[in-house]
Amino acid sequence: MNYLIGYLIISLILMVIFVETNKEVLYKQYLDLEKEYKRKPSNGWFNFYIFTHFLKSPFLCPMIFLLILGNGGKIIE
């Protein structure tokens, strides 16, 4: 149980680093998503979009760790 809690905490910390370094790219991806569904962008839905990233953080933690090691955590476009 201690390992699981530690892993969850580490994955959340890595996700915070990932979101902070890729704010612009995530916002652009959100705008593309809203354009695809022909909806008006709103701050509430953007917050929900970021929240879903945090929910996925335990699954994405190994990939984010490798991304941080490889190029500082920036998404390559």
PDB file of N, CA and C in Angstrom:
ATOM      1  N   MET A   1       0.822  -1.195   0.000  1.00  0.00           N
ATOM      2  CA  MET A   1       0.000   0.000   0.000  1.00  0.00           C
ATOM      3  C   MET A   1       0.867   1.261   0.000  1.00  0.00           C
ATOM      4  N   ASN A   2       1.988   1.227   0.725  1.00  0.00           N
ATOM      5  CA  ASN A   2       2.874   2.385   0.761  1.00  0.00           C
ATOM      6  C   ASN A   2       3.454   2.683  -0.615  1.00  0.00           C
ATOM      7  N   TYR A   3       3.759   1.626  -1.376  1.00  0.00           N
ATOM      8  CA  TYR A   3       4.302   1.827  -2.716  1.00  0.00           C
ATOM      9  C   TYR A   3       3.268   2.475  -3.628  1.00  0.00           C
ATOM     10  N   LEU A   4       2.028   2.077  -3.492  1.00  0.00           N
ATOM     11  CA  LEU A   4       0.963   2.624  -4.321  1.00  0.00           C
ATOM     12  C   LEU A   4       0.749   4.109  -4.038  1.00  0.00           C
ATOM     13  N   ILE A   5       0.715   4.472  -2.788  1.00  0.00           N
ATOM     14  CA  ILE A   5       0.529   5.881  -2.425  1.00  0.00           C
ATOM     15  C   ILE A   5       1.724   6.709  -2.884  1.00  0.00           C
ATOM     16  N   GLY A   6       2.912   6.178  -2.718  1.00  0.00           N
ATOM     17  CA  GLY A   6       4.109   6.875  -3.189  1.00  0.00           C
ATOM     18  C   GLY A   6       4.103   7.066  -4.692  1.00  0.00           C
ATOM     19  N   TYR A   7       3.682   6.023  -5.419  1.00  0.00           N
ATOM     20  CA  TYR A   7       3.611   6.123  -6.876  1.00  0.00           C
ATOM     21  C   TYR A   7       2.585   7.167  -7.306  1.00  0.00           C
ATOM     22  N   LEU A   8       1.443   7.210  -6.640  1.00  0.00           N
ATOM     23  CA  LEU A   8       0.417   8.199  -6.974  1.00  0.00           C
ATOM     24  C   LEU A   8       0.905   9.620  -6.732  1.00  0.00           C
ATOM     25  N   ILE A   9       1.609   9.823  -5.638  1.00  0.00           N
ATOM     26  CA  ILE A   9       2.139  11.153  -5.331  1.00  0.00           C
ATOM     27  C   ILE A   9       3.186  11.567  -6.363  1.00  0.00           C
ATOM     28  N   ILE A  10       4.085  10.650  -6.707  1.00  0.00           N
ATOM     29  CA  ILE A  10       5.117  10.953  -7.705  1.00  0.00           C
ATOM     30  C   ILE A  10       4.488  11.228  -9.061  1.00  0.00           C
ATOM     31  N   SER A  11       3.461  10.453  -9.418  1.00  0.00           N
ATOM     32  CA  SER A  11       2.822  10.673 -10.718  1.00  0.00           C
ATOM     33  C   SER A  11       2.128  12.028 -10.772  1.00  0.00           C
ATOM     34  N   LEU A  12       1.530  12.460  -9.669  1.00  0.00           N
ATOM     35  CA  LEU A  12       0.896  13.782  -9.644  1.00  0.00           C
ATOM     36  C   LEU A  12       1.931  14.900  -9.738  1.00  0.00           C
ATOM     37  N   ILE A  13       3.059  14.734  -9.071  1.00  0.00           N
ATOM     38  CA  ILE A  13       4.123  15.739  -9.137  1.00  0.00           C
ATOM     39  C   ILE A  13       4.659  15.844 -10.560  1.00  0.00           C
ATOM     40  N   LEU A  14       4.874  14.690 -11.203  1.00  0.00           N
ATOM     41  CA  LEU A  14       5.347  14.708 -12.589  1.00  0.00           C
ATOM     42  C   LEU A  14       4.314  15.338 -13.520  1.00  0.00           C
ATOM     43  N   MET A  15       3.033  15.119 -13.255  1.00  0.00           N
ATOM     44  CA  MET A  15       1.999  15.714 -14.097  1.00  0.00           C
ATOM     45  C   MET A  15       1.958  17.228 -13.920  1.00  0.00           C
ATOM     46  N   VAL A  16       2.192  17.721 -12.717  1.00  0.00           N
ATOM     47  CA  VAL A  16       2.245  19.174 -12.492  1.00  0.00           C
ATOM     48  C   VAL A  16       3.384  19.774 -13.308  1.00  0.00           C
ATOM     49  N   ILE A  17       4.543  19.131 -13.275  1.00  0.00           N
ATOM     50  CA  ILE A  17       5.684  19.614 -14.058  1.00  0.00           C
ATOM     51  C   ILE A  17       5.342  19.590 -15.539  1.00  0.00           C
ATOM     52  N   PHE A  18       4.718  18.506 -15.991  1.00  0.00           N
ATOM     53  CA  PHE A  18       4.351  18.366 -17.401  1.00  0.00           C
ATOM     54  C   PHE A  18       3.364  19.443 -17.835  1.00  0.00           C
ATOM     55  N   VAL A  19       2.338  19.686 -17.037  1.00  0.00           N
ATOM     56  CA  VAL A  19       1.322  20.684 -17.389  1.00  0.00           C
ATOM     57  C   VAL A  19       1.924  22.086 -17.381  1.00  0.00           C
ATOM     58  N   GLU A  20       2.773  22.382 -16.426  1.00  0.00           N
ATOM     59  CA  GLU A  20       3.379  23.714 -16.356  1.00  0.00           C
ATOM     60  C   GLU A  20       4.311  23.978 -17.537  1.00  0.00           C
ATOM     61  N   THR A  21       5.043  22.976 -17.978  1.00  0.00           N
ATOM     62  CA  THR A  21       5.966  23.199 -19.089  1.00  0.00           C
ATOM     63  C   THR A  21       5.270  23.195 -20.440  1.00  0.00           C
ATOM     64  N   ASN A  22       4.065  22.652 -20.514  1.00  0.00           N
ATOM     65  CA  ASN A  22       3.366  22.533 -21.790  1.00  0.00           C
ATOM     66  C   ASN A  22       2.021  23.248 -21.802  1.00  0.00           C
ATOM     67  N   LYS A  23       1.924  24.372 -21.101  1.00  0.00           N
ATOM     68  CA  LYS A  23       0.658  25.113 -21.029  1.00  0.00           C
ATOM     69  C   LYS A  23       0.134  25.490 -22.407  1.00  0.00           C
ATOM     70  N   GLU A  24       1.005  26.077 -23.224  1.00  0.00           N
ATOM     71  CA  GLU A  24       0.577  26.571 -24.524  1.00  0.00           C
ATOM     72  C   GLU A  24       0.125  25.438 -25.431  1.00  0.00           C
ATOM     73  N   VAL A  25       0.852  24.338 -25.426  1.00  0.00           N
ATOM     74  CA  VAL A  25       0.517  23.211 -26.286  1.00  0.00           C
ATOM     75  C   VAL A  25      -0.805  22.586 -25.845  1.00  0.00           C
ATOM     76  N   LEU A  26      -1.004  22.436 -24.544  1.00  0.00           N
ATOM     77  CA  LEU A  26      -2.261  21.871 -24.050  1.00  0.00           C
ATOM     78  C   LEU A  26      -3.436  22.787 -24.382  1.00  0.00           C
ATOM     79  N   TYR A  27      -3.236  24.101 -24.287  1.00  0.00           N
ATOM     80  CA  TYR A  27      -4.309  25.027 -24.628  1.00  0.00           C
ATOM     81  C   TYR A  27      -4.635  24.956 -26.120  1.00  0.00           C
ATOM     82  N   LYS A  28      -3.603  24.828 -26.942  1.00  0.00           N
ATOM     83  CA  LYS A  28      -3.821  24.698 -28.380  1.00  0.00           C
ATOM     84  C   LYS A  28      -4.570  23.401 -28.688  1.00  0.00           C
ATOM     85  N   GLN A  29      -4.203  22.304 -28.023  1.00  0.00           N
ATOM     86  CA  GLN A  29      -4.910  21.040 -28.224  1.00  0.00           C
ATOM     87  C   GLN A  29      -6.368  21.153 -27.792  1.00  0.00           C
ATOM     88  N   TYR A  30      -6.615  21.871 -26.707  1.00  0.00           N
ATOM     89  CA  TYR A  30      -7.984  22.073 -26.246  1.00  0.00           C
ATOM     90  C   TYR A  30      -8.784  22.881 -27.268  1.00  0.00           C
ATOM     91  N   LEU A  31      -8.184  23.937 -27.811  1.00  0.00           N
ATOM     92  CA  LEU A  31      -8.885  24.741 -28.806  1.00  0.00           C
ATOM     93  C   LEU A  31      -9.178  23.939 -30.074  1.00  0.00           C
ATOM     94  N   ASP A  32      -8.243  23.075 -30.463  1.00  0.00           N
ATOM     95  CA  ASP A  32      -8.487  22.214 -31.622  1.00  0.00           C
ATOM     96  C   ASP A  32      -9.635  21.247 -31.348  1.00  0.00           C
ATOM     97  N   LEU A  33      -9.720  20.746 -30.127  1.00  0.00           N
ATOM     98  CA  LEU A  33     -10.808  19.850 -29.748  1.00  0.00           C
ATOM     99  C   LEU A  33     -12.151  20.573 -29.799  1.00  0.00           C
ATOM    100  N   GLU A  34     -12.189  21.791 -29.288  1.00  0.00           N
ATOM    101  CA  GLU A  34     -13.433  22.569 -29.315  1.00  0.00           C
ATOM    102  C   GLU A  34     -13.830  22.926 -30.752  1.00  0.00           C
ATOM    103  N   LYS A  35     -12.839  23.226 -31.588  1.00  0.00           N
ATOM    104  CA  LYS A  35     -13.138  23.539 -32.978  1.00  0.00           C
ATOM    105  C   LYS A  35     -13.701  22.305 -33.692  1.00  0.00           C
ATOM    106  N   GLU A  36     -13.179  21.137 -33.368  1.00  0.00           N
ATOM    107  CA  GLU A  36     -13.660  19.903 -33.983  1.00  0.00           C
ATOM    108  C   GLU A  36     -15.129  19.652 -33.648  1.00  0.00           C
ATOM    109  N   TYR A  37     -15.521  19.929 -32.396  1.00  0.00           N
ATOM    110  CA  TYR A  37     -16.910  19.718 -31.981  1.00  0.00           C
ATOM    111  C   TYR A  37     -17.785  20.956 -32.204  1.00  0.00           C
ATOM    112  N   LYS A  38     -17.208  22.000 -32.790  1.00  0.00           N
ATOM    113  CA  LYS A  38     -17.929  23.248 -33.116  1.00  0.00           C
ATOM    114  C   LYS A  38     -18.596  23.859 -31.876  1.00  0.00           C
ATOM    115  N   ARG A  39     -17.826  23.920 -30.794  1.00  0.00           N
ATOM    116  CA  ARG A  39     -18.321  24.539 -29.562  1.00  0.00           C
ATOM    117  C   ARG A  39     -17.480  25.771 -29.247  1.00  0.00           C
ATOM    118  N   LYS A  40     -18.039  26.624 -28.414  1.00  0.00           N
ATOM    119  CA  LYS A  40     -17.339  27.825 -27.968  1.00  0.00           C
ATOM    120  C   LYS A  40     -16.429  27.445 -26.798  1.00  0.00           C
ATOM    121  N   PRO A  41     -15.123  27.777 -26.852  1.00  0.00           N
ATOM    122  CA  PRO A  41     -14.218  27.461 -25.747  1.00  0.00           C
ATOM    123  C   PRO A  41     -14.619  28.198 -24.468  1.00  0.00           C
ATOM    124  N   SER A  42     -14.482  27.522 -23.338  1.00  0.00           N
ATOM    125  CA  SER A  42     -14.760  28.155 -22.051  1.00  0.00           C
ATOM    126  C   SER A  42     -13.700  27.733 -21.047  1.00  0.00           C
ATOM    127  N   ASN A  43     -13.527  28.558 -20.050  1.00  0.00           N
ATOM    128  CA  ASN A  43     -12.523  28.292 -19.032  1.00  0.00           C
ATOM    129  C   ASN A  43     -12.869  27.050 -18.217  1.00  0.00           C
ATOM    130  N   GLY A  44     -14.150  26.820 -17.973  1.00  0.00           N
ATOM    131  CA  GLY A  44     -14.565  25.648 -17.206  1.00  0.00           C
ATOM    132  C   GLY A  44     -14.227  24.345 -17.902  1.00  0.00           C
ATOM    133  N   TRP A  45     -14.454  24.295 -19.220  1.00  0.00           N
ATOM    134  CA  TRP A  45     -14.129  23.072 -19.951  1.00  0.00           C
ATOM    135  C   TRP A  45     -12.632  22.878 -20.076  1.00  0.00           C
ATOM    136  N   PHE A  46     -11.875  23.980 -20.161  1.00  0.00           N
ATOM    137  CA  PHE A  46     -10.419  23.843 -20.192  1.00  0.00           C
ATOM    138  C   PHE A  46      -9.913  23.284 -18.861  1.00  0.00           C
ATOM    139  N   ASN A  47     -10.483  23.748 -17.751  1.00  0.00           N
ATOM    140  CA  ASN A  47     -10.100  23.200 -16.447  1.00  0.00           C
ATOM    141  C   ASN A  47     -10.442  21.716 -16.353  1.00  0.00           C
ATOM    142  N   PHE A  48     -11.586  21.326 -16.900  1.00  0.00           N
ATOM    143  CA  PHE A  48     -11.950  19.912 -16.916  1.00  0.00           C
ATOM    144  C   PHE A  48     -10.978  19.108 -17.785  1.00  0.00           C
ATOM    145  N   TYR A  49     -10.547  19.684 -18.902  1.00  0.00           N
ATOM    146  CA  TYR A  49      -9.569  19.042 -19.779  1.00  0.00           C
ATOM    147  C   TYR A  49      -8.256  18.786 -19.034  1.00  0.00           C
ATOM    148  N   ILE A  50      -7.808  19.771 -18.274  1.00  0.00           N
ATOM    149  CA  ILE A  50      -6.577  19.607 -17.484  1.00  0.00           C
ATOM    150  C   ILE A  50      -6.803  18.601 -16.357  1.00  0.00           C
ATOM    151  N   PHE A  51      -7.982  18.627 -15.727  1.00  0.00           N
ATOM    152  CA  PHE A  51      -8.305  17.682 -14.659  1.00  0.00           C
ATOM    153  C   PHE A  51      -8.254  16.240 -15.163  1.00  0.00           C
ATOM    154  N   THR A  52      -8.718  16.010 -16.390  1.00  0.00           N
ATOM    155  CA  THR A  52      -8.652  14.652 -16.933  1.00  0.00           C
ATOM    156  C   THR A  52      -7.205  14.214 -17.148  1.00  0.00           C
ATOM    157  N   HIS A  53      -6.321  15.159 -17.435  1.00  0.00           N
ATOM    158  CA  HIS A  53      -4.903  14.811 -17.519  1.00  0.00           C
ATOM    159  C   HIS A  53      -4.391  14.340 -16.159  1.00  0.00           C
ATOM    160  N   PHE A  54      -4.831  15.004 -15.105  1.00  0.00           N
ATOM    161  CA  PHE A  54      -4.400  14.590 -13.778  1.00  0.00           C
ATOM    162  C   PHE A  54      -4.979  13.230 -13.397  1.00  0.00           C
ATOM    163  N   LEU A  55      -6.181  12.923 -13.868  1.00  0.00           N
ATOM    164  CA  LEU A  55      -6.746  11.599 -13.607  1.00  0.00           C
ATOM    165  C   LEU A  55      -5.968  10.499 -14.330  1.00  0.00           C
ATOM    166  N   LYS A  56      -5.424  10.828 -15.493  1.00  0.00           N
ATOM    167  CA  LYS A  56      -4.652   9.858 -16.264  1.00  0.00           C
ATOM    168  C   LYS A  56      -3.198   9.781 -15.817  1.00  0.00           C
ATOM    169  N   SER A  57      -2.787  10.594 -14.870  1.00  0.00           N
ATOM    170  CA  SER A  57      -1.375  10.686 -14.499  1.00  0.00           C
ATOM    171  C   SER A  57      -0.757   9.372 -14.023  1.00  0.00           C
ATOM    172  N   PRO A  58      -1.455   8.503 -13.268  1.00  0.00           N
ATOM    173  CA  PRO A  58      -0.797   7.239 -12.903  1.00  0.00           C
ATOM    174  C   PRO A  58      -0.456   6.368 -14.111  1.00  0.00           C
ATOM    175  N   PHE A  59      -1.250   6.450 -15.167  1.00  0.00           N
ATOM    176  CA  PHE A  59      -0.981   5.650 -16.350  1.00  0.00           C
ATOM    177  C   PHE A  59       0.084   6.281 -17.240  1.00  0.00           C
ATOM    178  N   LEU A  60       0.137   7.609 -17.249  1.00  0.00           N
ATOM    179  CA  LEU A  60       1.076   8.322 -18.106  1.00  0.00           C
ATOM    180  C   LEU A  60       2.413   8.608 -17.434  1.00  0.00           C
ATOM    181  N   CYS A  61       2.541   8.298 -16.164  1.00  0.00           N
ATOM    182  CA  CYS A  61       3.745   8.630 -15.394  1.00  0.00           C
ATOM    183  C   CYS A  61       5.035   8.101 -16.038  1.00  0.00           C
ATOM    184  N   PRO A  62       5.109   6.829 -16.460  1.00  0.00           N
ATOM    185  CA  PRO A  62       6.378   6.374 -17.072  1.00  0.00           C
ATOM    186  C   PRO A  62       6.728   7.138 -18.347  1.00  0.00           C
ATOM    187  N   MET A  63       5.731   7.450 -19.170  1.00  0.00           N
ATOM    188  CA  MET A  63       6.003   8.183 -20.411  1.00  0.00           C
ATOM    189  C   MET A  63       6.428   9.615 -20.120  1.00  0.00           C
ATOM    190  N   ILE A  64       5.796  10.252 -19.135  1.00  0.00           N
ATOM    191  CA  ILE A  64       6.161  11.627 -18.780  1.00  0.00           C
ATOM    192  C   ILE A  64       7.580  11.654 -18.198  1.00  0.00           C
ATOM    193  N   PHE A  65       7.918  10.653 -17.400  1.00  0.00           N
ATOM    194  CA  PHE A  65       9.268  10.573 -16.831  1.00  0.00           C
ATOM    195  C   PHE A  65      10.310  10.464 -17.944  1.00  0.00           C
ATOM    196  N   LEU A  66      10.034   9.625 -18.945  1.00  0.00           N
ATOM    197  CA  LEU A  66      10.967   9.497 -20.070  1.00  0.00           C
ATOM    198  C   LEU A  66      11.023  10.789 -20.879  1.00  0.00           C
ATOM    199  N   LEU A  67       9.908  11.471 -21.015  1.00  0.00           N
ATOM    200  CA  LEU A  67       9.875  12.742 -21.737  1.00  0.00           C
ATOM    201  C   LEU A  67      10.687  13.802 -20.999  1.00  0.00           C
ATOM    202  N   ILE A  68      10.594  13.821 -19.684  1.00  0.00           N
ATOM    203  CA  ILE A  68      11.371  14.780 -18.897  1.00  0.00           C
ATOM    204  C   ILE A  68      12.865  14.464 -18.997  1.00  0.00           C
ATOM    205  N   LEU A  69      13.201  13.185 -18.958  1.00  0.00           N
ATOM    206  CA  LEU A  69      14.615  12.815 -19.107  1.00  0.00           C
ATOM    207  C   LEU A  69      15.132  13.132 -20.500  1.00  0.00           C
ATOM    208  N   GLY A  70      14.301  12.922 -21.504  1.00  0.00           N
ATOM    209  CA  GLY A  70      14.741  13.083 -22.890  1.00  0.00           C
ATOM    210  C   GLY A  70      14.924  14.515 -23.328  1.00  0.00           C
ATOM    211  N   ASN A  71      13.910  15.369 -23.090  1.00  0.00           N
ATOM    212  CA  ASN A  71      14.021  16.733 -23.606  1.00  0.00           C
ATOM    213  C   ASN A  71      13.429  17.765 -22.669  1.00  0.00           C
ATOM    214  N   GLY A  72      13.464  17.541 -21.409  1.00  0.00           N
ATOM    215  CA  GLY A  72      13.010  18.531 -20.437  1.00  0.00           C
ATOM    216  C   GLY A  72      11.515  18.598 -20.248  1.00  0.00           C
ATOM    217  N   GLY A  73      10.775  17.660 -20.803  1.00  0.00           N
ATOM    218  CA  GLY A  73       9.338  17.620 -20.596  1.00  0.00           C
ATOM    219  C   GLY A  73       8.512  18.332 -21.640  1.00  0.00           C
ATOM    220  N   LYS A  74       9.145  18.925 -22.651  1.00  0.00           N
ATOM    221  CA  LYS A  74       8.408  19.647 -23.696  1.00  0.00           C
ATOM    222  C   LYS A  74       7.835  18.667 -24.696  1.00  0.00           C
ATOM    223  N   ILE A  75       6.575  18.917 -25.098  1.00  0.00           N
ATOM    224  CA  ILE A  75       5.958  18.130 -26.151  1.00  0.00           C
ATOM    225  C   ILE A  75       6.543  18.599 -27.474  1.00  0.00           C
ATOM    226  N   ILE A  76       6.999  17.665 -28.284  1.00  0.00           N
ATOM    227  CA  ILE A  76       7.561  18.002 -29.585  1.00  0.00           C
ATOM    228  C   ILE A  76       6.420  18.086 -30.587  1.00  0.00           C
ATOM    229  N   GLU A  77       6.343  19.227 -31.254  1.00  0.00           N
ATOM    230  CA  GLU A  77       5.267  19.427 -32.241  1.00  0.00           C
ATOM    231  C   GLU A  77       5.778  19.236 -33.635  1.00  0.00           C
TER     232      GLU A  77
END
